[in-house]
Amino acid sequence: MAHYLLSVWHDDEVEYDPTVPPTDDMQRMFDQVGAFNEELQAKGAWVFAGGLYGASSATVVRPDGDQVSMTDGPYAETKEYMGGFWIIDAPDLDTALDWARRGAIACEGPVEVRPFHDA
């Protein structure tokens, strides 16, 4: 089985704050994603998953010889950012794409599929 990264992309207007109760729409998506996660686990495709804080929480570390510089904010200036991900086991790309289809429906947003290099 190969590992695939299913990355969830959000518009920059979506910023979930876990210290504030979720809106009804956000709670619906949480419930849908929870059900999707349970299905991944039940089918043996689950490896790991996680949600990420918004792009404004990012720090970029850039090399400069044997030193580094650190800047606040996302690496790319964009209106979309990766908001979460799943790492799954799938026998082939078609299966990974089917999982991504289900994940996109659950989180109501785009999901990018990328295979890992073979170890």
PDB file of N, CA and C in Angstrom:
ATOM      1  N   MET A   1       0.848  -1.186   0.000  1.00  0.00           N
ATOM      2  CA  MET A   1       0.000   0.000   0.000  1.00  0.00           C
ATOM      3  C   MET A   1       0.886   1.239   0.000  1.00  0.00           C
ATOM      4  N   ALA A   2       0.428   2.237  -0.682  1.00  0.00           N
ATOM      5  CA  ALA A   2       1.146   3.511  -0.740  1.00  0.00           C
ATOM      6  C   ALA A   2       0.496   4.504   0.213  1.00  0.00           C
ATOM      7  N   HIS A   3       1.276   5.464   0.666  1.00  0.00           N
ATOM      8  CA  HIS A   3       0.740   6.549   1.480  1.00  0.00           C
ATOM      9  C   HIS A   3       0.416   7.738   0.586  1.00  0.00           C
ATOM     10  N   TYR A   4      -0.689   8.392   0.881  1.00  0.00           N
ATOM     11  CA  TYR A   4      -1.116   9.585   0.167  1.00  0.00           C
ATOM     12  C   TYR A   4      -1.440  10.672   1.177  1.00  0.00           C
ATOM     13  N   LEU A   5      -1.101  11.906   0.805  1.00  0.00           N
ATOM     14  CA  LEU A   5      -1.487  13.074   1.584  1.00  0.00           C
ATOM     15  C   LEU A   5      -2.749  13.649   0.963  1.00  0.00           C
ATOM     16  N   LEU A   6      -3.795  13.764   1.756  1.00  0.00           N
ATOM     17  CA  LEU A   6      -5.015  14.443   1.330  1.00  0.00           C
ATOM     18  C   LEU A   6      -5.033  15.757   2.098  1.00  0.00           C
ATOM     19  N   SER A   7      -4.719  16.857   1.435  1.00  0.00           N
ATOM     20  CA  SER A   7      -4.665  18.148   2.121  1.00  0.00           C
ATOM     21  C   SER A   7      -5.936  18.933   1.865  1.00  0.00           C
ATOM     22  N   VAL A   8      -6.450  19.518   2.927  1.00  0.00           N
ATOM     23  CA  VAL A   8      -7.697  20.279   2.897  1.00  0.00           C
ATOM     24  C   VAL A   8      -7.352  21.753   2.759  1.00  0.00           C
ATOM     25  N   TRP A   9      -7.988  22.413   1.810  1.00  0.00           N
ATOM     26  CA  TRP A   9      -7.688  23.827   1.559  1.00  0.00           C
ATOM     27  C   TRP A   9      -8.877  24.687   1.932  1.00  0.00           C
ATOM     28  N   HIS A  10      -8.575  25.797   2.603  1.00  0.00           N
ATOM     29  CA  HIS A  10      -9.595  26.745   3.046  1.00  0.00           C
ATOM     30  C   HIS A  10      -9.365  28.102   2.412  1.00  0.00           C
ATOM     31  N   ASP A  11     -10.442  28.819   2.242  1.00  0.00           N
ATOM     32  CA  ASP A  11     -10.378  30.225   1.870  1.00  0.00           C
ATOM     33  C   ASP A  11      -9.839  30.980   3.071  1.00  0.00           C
ATOM     34  N   ASP A  12      -9.130  32.078   2.843  1.00  0.00           N
ATOM     35  CA  ASP A  12      -8.535  32.812   3.963  1.00  0.00           C
ATOM     36  C   ASP A  12      -9.571  33.429   4.894  1.00  0.00           C
ATOM     37  N   GLU A  13     -10.842  33.406   4.504  1.00  0.00           N
ATOM     38  CA  GLU A  13     -11.893  33.917   5.382  1.00  0.00           C
ATOM     39  C   GLU A  13     -12.298  32.889   6.441  1.00  0.00           C
ATOM     40  N   VAL A  14     -11.899  31.627   6.252  1.00  0.00           N
ATOM     41  CA  VAL A  14     -12.218  30.576   7.216  1.00  0.00           C
ATOM     42  C   VAL A  14     -11.084  30.508   8.222  1.00  0.00           C
ATOM     43  N   GLU A  15     -11.368  30.880   9.434  1.00  0.00           N
ATOM     44  CA  GLU A  15     -10.362  30.818  10.496  1.00  0.00           C
ATOM     45  C   GLU A  15     -11.060  30.293  11.734  1.00  0.00           C
ATOM     46  N   TYR A  16     -10.824  29.047  12.047  1.00  0.00           N
ATOM     47  CA  TYR A  16     -11.455  28.422  13.214  1.00  0.00           C
ATOM     48  C   TYR A  16     -10.637  28.739  14.457  1.00  0.00           C
ATOM     49  N   ASP A  17     -11.301  29.188  15.480  1.00  0.00           N
ATOM     50  CA  ASP A  17     -10.677  29.470  16.772  1.00  0.00           C
ATOM     51  C   ASP A  17     -11.239  28.468  17.770  1.00  0.00           C
ATOM     52  N   PRO A  18     -10.430  27.501  18.230  1.00  0.00           N
ATOM     53  CA  PRO A  18     -10.955  26.470  19.127  1.00  0.00           C
ATOM     54  C   PRO A  18     -11.395  26.993  20.494  1.00  0.00           C
ATOM     55  N   THR A  19     -11.092  28.245  20.814  1.00  0.00           N
ATOM     56  CA  THR A  19     -11.521  28.805  22.097  1.00  0.00           C
ATOM     57  C   THR A  19     -12.926  29.395  22.016  1.00  0.00           C
ATOM     58  N   VAL A  20     -13.489  29.448  20.793  1.00  0.00           N
ATOM     59  CA  VAL A  20     -14.830  30.002  20.578  1.00  0.00           C
ATOM     60  C   VAL A  20     -15.735  28.867  20.105  1.00  0.00           C
ATOM     61  N   PRO A  21     -16.939  28.761  20.660  1.00  0.00           N
ATOM     62  CA  PRO A  21     -17.840  27.695  20.191  1.00  0.00           C
ATOM     63  C   PRO A  21     -18.046  27.780  18.673  1.00  0.00           C
ATOM     64  N   PRO A  22     -18.060  26.628  17.998  1.00  0.00           N
ATOM     65  CA  PRO A  22     -18.222  26.645  16.543  1.00  0.00           C
ATOM     66  C   PRO A  22     -19.620  27.094  16.128  1.00  0.00           C
ATOM     67  N   THR A  23     -19.696  27.693  14.947  1.00  0.00           N
ATOM     68  CA  THR A  23     -20.987  28.044  14.369  1.00  0.00           C
ATOM     69  C   THR A  23     -21.709  26.753  13.990  1.00  0.00           C
ATOM     70  N   ASP A  24     -22.994  26.860  13.680  1.00  0.00           N
ATOM     71  CA  ASP A  24     -23.750  25.683  13.261  1.00  0.00           C
ATOM     72  C   ASP A  24     -23.139  25.049  12.012  1.00  0.00           C
ATOM     73  N   ASP A  25     -22.710  25.902  11.054  1.00  0.00           N
ATOM     74  CA  ASP A  25     -22.088  25.387   9.830  1.00  0.00           C
ATOM     75  C   ASP A  25     -20.792  24.654  10.147  1.00  0.00           C
ATOM     76  N   MET A  26     -19.971  25.230  11.018  1.00  0.00           N
ATOM     77  CA  MET A  26     -18.697  24.612  11.381  1.00  0.00           C
ATOM     78  C   MET A  26     -18.948  23.298  12.123  1.00  0.00           C
ATOM     79  N   GLN A  27     -19.926  23.270  13.010  1.00  0.00           N
ATOM     80  CA  GLN A  27     -20.232  22.043  13.750  1.00  0.00           C
ATOM     81  C   GLN A  27     -20.704  20.945  12.803  1.00  0.00           C
ATOM     82  N   ARG A  28     -21.510  21.321  11.790  1.00  0.00           N
ATOM     83  CA  ARG A  28     -21.964  20.336  10.789  1.00  0.00           C
ATOM     84  C   ARG A  28     -20.747  19.721  10.090  1.00  0.00           C
ATOM     85  N   MET A  29     -19.784  20.559   9.689  1.00  0.00           N
ATOM     86  CA  MET A  29     -18.591  20.045   9.014  1.00  0.00           C
ATOM     87  C   MET A  29     -17.765  19.171   9.954  1.00  0.00           C
ATOM     88  N   PHE A  30     -17.626  19.571  11.225  1.00  0.00           N
ATOM     89  CA  PHE A  30     -16.907  18.746  12.200  1.00  0.00           C
ATOM     90  C   PHE A  30     -17.542  17.359  12.298  1.00  0.00           C
ATOM     91  N   ASP A  31     -18.867  17.323  12.351  1.00  0.00           N
ATOM     92  CA  ASP A  31     -19.578  16.048  12.447  1.00  0.00           C
ATOM     93  C   ASP A  31     -19.353  15.205  11.200  1.00  0.00           C
ATOM     94  N   GLN A  32     -19.407  15.829  10.033  1.00  0.00           N
ATOM     95  CA  GLN A  32     -19.194  15.120   8.765  1.00  0.00           C
ATOM     96  C   GLN A  32     -17.772  14.584   8.688  1.00  0.00           C
ATOM     97  N   VAL A  33     -16.810  15.398   9.074  1.00  0.00           N
ATOM     98  CA  VAL A  33     -15.412  14.965   9.035  1.00  0.00           C
ATOM     99  C   VAL A  33     -15.179  13.859  10.065  1.00  0.00           C
ATOM    100  N   GLY A  34     -15.817  13.957  11.216  1.00  0.00           N
ATOM    101  CA  GLY A  34     -15.707  12.894  12.217  1.00  0.00           C
ATOM    102  C   GLY A  34     -16.198  11.565  11.677  1.00  0.00           C
ATOM    103  N   ALA A  35     -17.315  11.586  10.964  1.00  0.00           N
ATOM    104  CA  ALA A  35     -17.851  10.362  10.352  1.00  0.00           C
ATOM    105  C   ALA A  35     -16.898   9.839   9.273  1.00  0.00           C
ATOM    106  N   PHE A  36     -16.317  10.751   8.488  1.00  0.00           N
ATOM    107  CA  PHE A  36     -15.346  10.353   7.468  1.00  0.00           C
ATOM    108  C   PHE A  36     -14.121   9.711   8.125  1.00  0.00           C
ATOM    109  N   ASN A  37     -13.621  10.306   9.205  1.00  0.00           N
ATOM    110  CA  ASN A  37     -12.473   9.750   9.920  1.00  0.00           C
ATOM    111  C   ASN A  37     -12.773   8.338  10.424  1.00  0.00           C
ATOM    112  N   GLU A  38     -13.978   8.145  10.958  1.00  0.00           N
ATOM    113  CA  GLU A  38     -14.369   6.821  11.435  1.00  0.00           C
ATOM    114  C   GLU A  38     -14.393   5.808  10.295  1.00  0.00           C
ATOM    115  N   GLU A  39     -14.854   6.230   9.114  1.00  0.00           N
ATOM    116  CA  GLU A  39     -14.882   5.327   7.953  1.00  0.00           C
ATOM    117  C   GLU A  39     -13.466   4.967   7.514  1.00  0.00           C
ATOM    118  N   LEU A  40     -12.575   5.968   7.467  1.00  0.00           N
ATOM    119  CA  LEU A  40     -11.173   5.689   7.122  1.00  0.00           C
ATOM    120  C   LEU A  40     -10.578   4.661   8.078  1.00  0.00           C
ATOM    121  N   GLN A  41     -10.843   4.833   9.366  1.00  0.00           N
ATOM    122  CA  GLN A  41     -10.304   3.912  10.366  1.00  0.00           C
ATOM    123  C   GLN A  41     -10.897   2.520  10.218  1.00  0.00           C
ATOM    124  N   ALA A  42     -12.200   2.449  10.004  1.00  0.00           N
ATOM    125  CA  ALA A  42     -12.871   1.153   9.872  1.00  0.00           C
ATOM    126  C   ALA A  42     -12.380   0.377   8.654  1.00  0.00           C
ATOM    127  N   LYS A  43     -12.036   1.077   7.588  1.00  0.00           N
ATOM    128  CA  LYS A  43     -11.579   0.434   6.348  1.00  0.00           C
ATOM    129  C   LYS A  43     -10.074   0.185   6.341  1.00  0.00           C
ATOM    130  N   GLY A  44      -9.364   0.603   7.398  1.00  0.00           N
ATOM    131  CA  GLY A  44      -7.923   0.370   7.480  1.00  0.00           C
ATOM    132  C   GLY A  44      -7.093   1.323   6.644  1.00  0.00           C
ATOM    133  N   ALA A  45      -7.660   2.419   6.189  1.00  0.00           N
ATOM    134  CA  ALA A  45      -6.932   3.386   5.361  1.00  0.00           C
ATOM    135  C   ALA A  45      -6.303   4.504   6.188  1.00  0.00           C
ATOM    136  N   TRP A  46      -6.736   4.670   7.421  1.00  0.00           N
ATOM    137  CA  TRP A  46      -6.278   5.753   8.306  1.00  0.00           C
ATOM    138  C   TRP A  46      -4.818   5.543   8.698  1.00  0.00           C
ATOM    139  N   VAL A  47      -4.000   6.569   8.539  1.00  0.00           N
ATOM    140  CA  VAL A  47      -2.650   6.579   9.089  1.00  0.00           C
ATOM    141  C   VAL A  47      -2.557   7.685  10.132  1.00  0.00           C
ATOM    142  N   PHE A  48      -2.923   8.904   9.730  1.00  0.00           N
ATOM    143  CA  PHE A  48      -2.820  10.056  10.624  1.00  0.00           C
ATOM    144  C   PHE A  48      -3.603  11.201  10.009  1.00  0.00           C
ATOM    145  N   ALA A  49      -4.120  12.092  10.843  1.00  0.00           N
ATOM    146  CA  ALA A  49      -4.814  13.276  10.345  1.00  0.00           C
ATOM    147  C   ALA A  49      -4.674  14.387  11.360  1.00  0.00           C
ATOM    148  N   GLY A  50      -4.886  15.613  10.912  1.00  0.00           N
ATOM    149  CA  GLY A  50      -4.840  16.734  11.831  1.00  0.00           C
ATOM    150  C   GLY A  50      -5.382  17.998  11.200  1.00  0.00           C
ATOM    151  N   GLY A  51      -5.942  18.839  12.045  1.00  0.00           N
ATOM    152  CA  GLY A  51      -6.361  20.164  11.623  1.00  0.00           C
ATOM    153  C   GLY A  51      -5.271  21.156  11.998  1.00  0.00           C
ATOM    154  N   LEU A  52      -5.157  22.204  11.233  1.00  0.00           N
ATOM    155  CA  LEU A  52      -4.118  23.205  11.453  1.00  0.00           C
ATOM    156  C   LEU A  52      -4.743  24.548  11.803  1.00  0.00           C
ATOM    157  N   TYR A  53      -4.032  25.320  12.600  1.00  0.00           N
ATOM    158  CA  TYR A  53      -4.446  26.701  12.826  1.00  0.00           C
ATOM    159  C   TYR A  53      -4.313  27.458  11.509  1.00  0.00           C
ATOM    160  N   GLY A  54      -4.918  28.629  11.421  1.00  0.00           N
ATOM    161  CA  GLY A  54      -4.900  29.428  10.201  1.00  0.00           C
ATOM    162  C   GLY A  54      -3.498  29.855   9.789  1.00  0.00           C
ATOM    163  N   ALA A  55      -3.398  30.313   8.557  1.00  0.00           N
ATOM    164  CA  ALA A  55      -2.104  30.708   7.985  1.00  0.00           C
ATOM    165  C   ALA A  55      -1.439  31.820   8.784  1.00  0.00           C
ATOM    166  N   SER A  56      -2.226  32.633   9.463  1.00  0.00           N
ATOM    167  CA  SER A  56      -1.631  33.726  10.235  1.00  0.00           C
ATOM    168  C   SER A  56      -0.789  33.207  11.403  1.00  0.00           C
ATOM    169  N   SER A  57      -0.940  31.938  11.771  1.00  0.00           N
ATOM    170  CA  SER A  57      -0.154  31.368  12.868  1.00  0.00           C
ATOM    171  C   SER A  57       1.187  30.812  12.398  1.00  0.00           C
ATOM    172  N   ALA A  58       1.434  30.823  11.093  1.00  0.00           N
ATOM    173  CA  ALA A  58       2.636  30.213  10.533  1.00  0.00           C
ATOM    174  C   ALA A  58       3.889  31.044  10.804  1.00  0.00           C
ATOM    175  N   THR A  59       5.012  30.350  10.887  1.00  0.00           N
ATOM    176  CA  THR A  59       6.336  30.967  10.904  1.00  0.00           C
ATOM    177  C   THR A  59       7.142  30.283   9.815  1.00  0.00           C
ATOM    178  N   VAL A  60       7.788  31.061   8.960  1.00  0.00           N
ATOM    179  CA  VAL A  60       8.590  30.514   7.880  1.00  0.00           C
ATOM    180  C   VAL A  60      10.057  30.610   8.287  1.00  0.00           C
ATOM    181  N   VAL A  61      10.763  29.486   8.202  1.00  0.00           N
ATOM    182  CA  VAL A  61      12.185  29.415   8.527  1.00  0.00           C
ATOM    183  C   VAL A  61      12.930  29.224   7.215  1.00  0.00           C
ATOM    184  N   ARG A  62      13.789  30.205   6.866  1.00  0.00           N
ATOM    185  CA  ARG A  62      14.524  30.177   5.588  1.00  0.00           C
ATOM    186  C   ARG A  62      16.017  30.036   5.847  1.00  0.00           C
ATOM    187  N   PRO A  63      16.682  29.166   5.071  1.00  0.00           N
ATOM    188  CA  PRO A  63      18.119  29.021   5.247  1.00  0.00           C
ATOM    189  C   PRO A  63      18.877  30.194   4.625  1.00  0.00           C
ATOM    190  N   ASP A  64      19.984  30.526   5.254  1.00  0.00           N
ATOM    191  CA  ASP A  64      20.913  31.542   4.734  1.00  0.00           C
ATOM    192  C   ASP A  64      22.302  31.082   5.117  1.00  0.00           C
ATOM    193  N   GLY A  65      22.871  30.214   4.276  1.00  0.00           N
ATOM    194  CA  GLY A  65      24.146  29.600   4.639  1.00  0.00           C
ATOM    195  C   GLY A  65      23.932  28.670   5.817  1.00  0.00           C
ATOM    196  N   ASP A  66      24.717  28.885   6.887  1.00  0.00           N
ATOM    197  CA  ASP A  66      24.538  28.050   8.073  1.00  0.00           C
ATOM    198  C   ASP A  66      23.648  28.718   9.118  1.00  0.00           C
ATOM    199  N   GLN A  67      22.990  29.798   8.740  1.00  0.00           N
ATOM    200  CA  GLN A  67      22.055  30.505   9.606  1.00  0.00           C
ATOM    201  C   GLN A  67      20.647  30.403   9.006  1.00  0.00           C
ATOM    202  N   VAL A  68      19.661  30.867   9.731  1.00  0.00           N
ATOM    203  CA  VAL A  68      18.298  30.917   9.218  1.00  0.00           C
ATOM    204  C   VAL A  68      17.666  32.245   9.601  1.00  0.00           C
ATOM    205  N   SER A  69      16.673  32.641   8.815  1.00  0.00           N
ATOM    206  CA  SER A  69      15.842  33.779   9.193  1.00  0.00           C
ATOM    207  C   SER A  69      14.442  33.244   9.424  1.00  0.00           C
ATOM    208  N   MET A  70      13.719  33.897  10.314  1.00  0.00           N
ATOM    209  CA  MET A  70      12.349  33.485  10.619  1.00  0.00           C
ATOM    210  C   MET A  70      11.431  34.674  10.434  1.00  0.00           C
ATOM    211  N   THR A  71      10.333  34.441   9.710  1.00  0.00           N
ATOM    212  CA  THR A  71       9.347  35.495   9.499  1.00  0.00           C
ATOM    213  C   THR A  71       7.966  34.964   9.830  1.00  0.00           C
ATOM    214  N   ASP A  72       7.123  35.840  10.350  1.00  0.00           N
ATOM    215  CA  ASP A  72       5.746  35.472  10.660  1.00  0.00           C
ATOM    216  C   ASP A  72       4.932  35.409   9.379  1.00  0.00           C
ATOM    217  N   GLY A  73       3.933  34.551   9.401  1.00  0.00           N
ATOM    218  CA  GLY A  73       3.008  34.482   8.281  1.00  0.00           C
ATOM    219  C   GLY A  73       3.303  33.325   7.362  1.00  0.00           C
ATOM    220  N   PRO A  74       2.396  33.074   6.448  1.00  0.00           N
ATOM    221  CA  PRO A  74       2.534  31.917   5.564  1.00  0.00           C
ATOM    222  C   PRO A  74       3.664  32.104   4.557  1.00  0.00           C
ATOM    223  N   TYR A  75       4.131  30.982   4.031  1.00  0.00           N
ATOM    224  CA  TYR A  75       5.190  30.986   3.029  1.00  0.00           C
ATOM    225  C   TYR A  75       4.742  31.703   1.764  1.00  0.00           C
ATOM    226  N   ALA A  76       3.533  31.407   1.323  1.00  0.00           N
ATOM    227  CA  ALA A  76       3.023  31.986   0.068  1.00  0.00           C
ATOM    228  C   ALA A  76       1.952  33.028   0.375  1.00  0.00           C
ATOM    229  N   GLU A  77       1.936  34.078  -0.405  1.00  0.00           N
ATOM    230  CA  GLU A  77       0.870  35.079  -0.326  1.00  0.00           C
ATOM    231  C   GLU A  77      -0.288  34.552  -1.165  1.00  0.00           C
ATOM    232  N   THR A  78      -1.309  34.080  -0.505  1.00  0.00           N
ATOM    233  CA  THR A  78      -2.425  33.474  -1.213  1.00  0.00           C
ATOM    234  C   THR A  78      -3.701  33.628  -0.402  1.00  0.00           C
ATOM    235  N   LYS A  79      -4.825  33.458  -1.047  1.00  0.00           N
ATOM    236  CA  LYS A  79      -6.104  33.556  -0.351  1.00  0.00           C
ATOM    237  C   LYS A  79      -6.545  32.207   0.188  1.00  0.00           C
ATOM    238  N   GLU A  80      -5.858  31.143  -0.201  1.00  0.00           N
ATOM    239  CA  GLU A  80      -6.172  29.822   0.301  1.00  0.00           C
ATOM    240  C   GLU A  80      -4.966  29.274   1.059  1.00  0.00           C
ATOM    241  N   TYR A  81      -5.235  28.456   2.052  1.00  0.00           N
ATOM    242  CA  TYR A  81      -4.159  27.845   2.824  1.00  0.00           C
ATOM    243  C   TYR A  81      -4.582  26.436   3.235  1.00  0.00           C
ATOM    244  N   MET A  82      -3.588  25.615   3.553  1.00  0.00           N
ATOM    245  CA  MET A  82      -3.881  24.271   3.999  1.00  0.00           C
ATOM    246  C   MET A  82      -4.404  24.338   5.423  1.00  0.00           C
ATOM    247  N   GLY A  83      -5.615  23.832   5.628  1.00  0.00           N
ATOM    248  CA  GLY A  83      -6.246  23.907   6.931  1.00  0.00           C
ATOM    249  C   GLY A  83      -6.228  22.597   7.692  1.00  0.00           C
ATOM    250  N   GLY A  84      -5.876  21.526   7.019  1.00  0.00           N
ATOM    251  CA  GLY A  84      -5.812  20.225   7.664  1.00  0.00           C
ATOM    252  C   GLY A  84      -5.397  19.178   6.661  1.00  0.00           C
ATOM    253  N   PHE A  85      -5.276  17.950   7.128  1.00  0.00           N
ATOM    254  CA  PHE A  85      -4.798  16.902   6.230  1.00  0.00           C
ATOM    255  C   PHE A  85      -5.136  15.528   6.788  1.00  0.00           C
ATOM    256  N   TRP A  86      -5.105  14.566   5.887  1.00  0.00           N
ATOM    257  CA  TRP A  86      -5.128  13.152   6.241  1.00  0.00           C
ATOM    258  C   TRP A  86      -3.933  12.516   5.555  1.00  0.00           C
ATOM    259  N   ILE A  87      -3.325  11.566   6.194  1.00  0.00           N
ATOM    260  CA  ILE A  87      -2.362  10.679   5.553  1.00  0.00           C
ATOM    261  C   ILE A  87      -3.031   9.319   5.554  1.00  0.00           C
ATOM    262  N   ILE A  88      -3.172   8.751   4.369  1.00  0.00           N
ATOM    263  CA  ILE A  88      -3.904   7.489   4.246  1.00  0.00           C
ATOM    264  C   ILE A  88      -3.040   6.435   3.567  1.00  0.00           C
ATOM    265  N   ASP A  89      -3.418   5.198   3.753  1.00  0.00           N
ATOM    266  CA  ASP A  89      -2.885   4.065   3.007  1.00  0.00           C
ATOM    267  C   ASP A  89      -3.900   3.719   1.941  1.00  0.00           C
ATOM    268  N   ALA A  90      -3.464   3.598   0.719  1.00  0.00           N
ATOM    269  CA  ALA A  90      -4.363   3.205  -0.370  1.00  0.00           C
ATOM    270  C   ALA A  90      -3.585   2.349  -1.357  1.00  0.00           C
ATOM    271  N   PRO A  91      -4.228   1.358  -1.952  1.00  0.00           N
ATOM    272  CA  PRO A  91      -3.521   0.479  -2.881  1.00  0.00           C
ATOM    273  C   PRO A  91      -3.146   1.156  -4.192  1.00  0.00           C
ATOM    274  N   ASP A  92      -3.853   2.252  -4.540  1.00  0.00           N
ATOM    275  CA  ASP A  92      -3.575   2.925  -5.805  1.00  0.00           C
ATOM    276  C   ASP A  92      -4.173   4.332  -5.785  1.00  0.00           C
ATOM    277  N   LEU A  93      -3.829   5.104  -6.805  1.00  0.00           N
ATOM    278  CA  LEU A  93      -4.293   6.491  -6.894  1.00  0.00           C
ATOM    279  C   LEU A  93      -5.812   6.579  -6.994  1.00  0.00           C
ATOM    280  N   ASP A  94      -6.438   5.680  -7.738  1.00  0.00           N
ATOM    281  CA  ASP A  94      -7.897   5.730  -7.868  1.00  0.00           C
ATOM    282  C   ASP A  94      -8.582   5.614  -6.509  1.00  0.00           C
ATOM    283  N   THR A  95      -8.077   4.741  -5.657  1.00  0.00           N
ATOM    284  CA  THR A  95      -8.646   4.584  -4.322  1.00  0.00           C
ATOM    285  C   THR A  95      -8.413   5.849  -3.497  1.00  0.00           C
ATOM    286  N   ALA A  96      -7.210   6.419  -3.591  1.00  0.00           N
ATOM    287  CA  ALA A  96      -6.909   7.663  -2.872  1.00  0.00           C
ATOM    288  C   ALA A  96      -7.823   8.787  -3.348  1.00  0.00           C
ATOM    289  N   LEU A  97      -8.070   8.849  -4.652  1.00  0.00           N
ATOM    290  CA  LEU A  97      -8.964   9.882  -5.189  1.00  0.00           C
ATOM    291  C   LEU A  97     -10.395   9.690  -4.699  1.00  0.00           C
ATOM    292  N   ASP A  98     -10.823   8.443  -4.545  1.00  0.00           N
ATOM    293  CA  ASP A  98     -12.162   8.195  -4.016  1.00  0.00           C
ATOM    294  C   ASP A  98     -12.245   8.661  -2.558  1.00  0.00           C
ATOM    295  N   TRP A  99     -11.214   8.375  -1.762  1.00  0.00           N
ATOM    296  CA  TRP A  99     -11.193   8.880  -0.381  1.00  0.00           C
ATOM    297  C   TRP A  99     -11.201  10.405  -0.381  1.00  0.00           C
ATOM    298  N   ALA A 100     -10.448  11.033  -1.276  1.00  0.00           N
ATOM    299  CA  ALA A 100     -10.415  12.496  -1.346  1.00  0.00           C
ATOM    300  C   ALA A 100     -11.785  13.060  -1.713  1.00  0.00           C
ATOM    301  N   ARG A 101     -12.491  12.379  -2.601  1.00  0.00           N
ATOM    302  CA  ARG A 101     -13.845  12.804  -2.964  1.00  0.00           C
ATOM    303  C   ARG A 101     -14.732  12.816  -1.727  1.00  0.00           C
ATOM    304  N   ARG A 102     -14.666  11.744  -0.951  1.00  0.00           N
ATOM    305  CA  ARG A 102     -15.468  11.663   0.270  1.00  0.00           C
ATOM    306  C   ARG A 102     -15.049  12.728   1.288  1.00  0.00           C
ATOM    307  N   GLY A 103     -13.738  12.947   1.398  1.00  0.00           N
ATOM    308  CA  GLY A 103     -13.239  13.966   2.327  1.00  0.00           C
ATOM    309  C   GLY A 103     -13.666  15.363   1.922  1.00  0.00           C
ATOM    310  N   ALA A 104     -13.626  15.655   0.627  1.00  0.00           N
ATOM    311  CA  ALA A 104     -14.048  16.975   0.136  1.00  0.00           C
ATOM    312  C   ALA A 104     -15.519  17.226   0.438  1.00  0.00           C
ATOM    313  N   ILE A 105     -16.339  16.190   0.281  1.00  0.00           N
ATOM    314  CA  ILE A 105     -17.762  16.323   0.607  1.00  0.00           C
ATOM    315  C   ILE A 105     -17.921  16.561   2.104  1.00  0.00           C
ATOM    316  N   ALA A 106     -17.175  15.829   2.919  1.00  0.00           N
ATOM    317  CA  ALA A 106     -17.296  15.946   4.376  1.00  0.00           C
ATOM    318  C   ALA A 106     -16.885  17.326   4.872  1.00  0.00           C
ATOM    319  N   CYS A 107     -15.764  17.849   4.356  1.00  0.00           N
ATOM    320  CA  CYS A 107     -15.280  19.144   4.870  1.00  0.00           C
ATOM    321  C   CYS A 107     -15.761  20.318   4.025  1.00  0.00           C
ATOM    322  N   GLU A 108     -16.516  20.008   2.982  1.00  0.00           N
ATOM    323  CA  GLU A 108     -17.124  21.042   2.134  1.00  0.00           C
ATOM    324  C   GLU A 108     -16.087  22.003   1.554  1.00  0.00           C
ATOM    325  N   GLY A 109     -14.960  21.442   1.124  1.00  0.00           N
ATOM    326  CA  GLY A 109     -13.909  22.249   0.523  1.00  0.00           C
ATOM    327  C   GLY A 109     -12.980  21.381  -0.305  1.00  0.00           C
ATOM    328  N   PRO A 110     -12.081  22.019  -1.055  1.00  0.00           N
ATOM    329  CA  PRO A 110     -11.184  21.259  -1.915  1.00  0.00           C
ATOM    330  C   PRO A 110     -10.182  20.434  -1.125  1.00  0.00           C
ATOM    331  N   VAL A 111      -9.845  19.267  -1.689  1.00  0.00           N
ATOM    332  CA  VAL A 111      -8.855  18.367  -1.112  1.00  0.00           C
ATOM    333  C   VAL A 111      -7.857  18.021  -2.216  1.00  0.00           C
ATOM    334  N   GLU A 112      -6.587  18.257  -1.953  1.00  0.00           N
ATOM    335  CA  GLU A 112      -5.521  17.927  -2.902  1.00  0.00           C
ATOM    336  C   GLU A 112      -4.947  16.567  -2.536  1.00  0.00           C
ATOM    337  N   VAL A 113      -4.676  15.738  -3.529  1.00  0.00           N
ATOM    338  CA  VAL A 113      -4.119  14.402  -3.321  1.00  0.00           C
ATOM    339  C   VAL A 113      -2.693  14.375  -3.852  1.00  0.00           C
ATOM    340  N   ARG A 114      -1.769  13.932  -2.984  1.00  0.00           N
ATOM    341  CA  ARG A 114      -0.362  13.794  -3.416  1.00  0.00           C
ATOM    342  C   ARG A 114       0.228  12.525  -2.822  1.00  0.00           C
ATOM    343  N   PRO A 115       0.860  11.709  -3.674  1.00  0.00           N
ATOM    344  CA  PRO A 115       1.503  10.502  -3.151  1.00  0.00           C
ATOM    345  C   PRO A 115       2.828  10.838  -2.481  1.00  0.00           C
ATOM    346  N   PHE A 116       3.191  10.022  -1.483  1.00  0.00           N
ATOM    347  CA  PHE A 116       4.504  10.123  -0.884  1.00  0.00           C
ATOM    348  C   PHE A 116       5.501   9.390  -1.770  1.00  0.00           C
ATOM    349  N   HIS A 117       6.755   9.798  -1.720  1.00  0.00           N
ATOM    350  CA  HIS A 117       7.811   9.031  -2.375  1.00  0.00           C
ATOM    351  C   HIS A 117       7.919   7.683  -1.683  1.00  0.00           C
ATOM    352  N   ASP A 118       8.260   6.652  -2.441  1.00  0.00           N
ATOM    353  CA  ASP A 118       8.501   5.354  -1.831  1.00  0.00           C
ATOM    354  C   ASP A 118       9.728   5.451  -0.933  1.00  0.00           C
ATOM    355  N   ALA A 119       9.657   4.804   0.206  1.00  0.00           N
ATOM    356  CA  ALA A 119      10.786   4.850   1.155  1.00  0.00           C
ATOM    357  C   ALA A 119      11.910   3.967   0.699  1.00  0.00           C
TER     358      ALA A 119
END
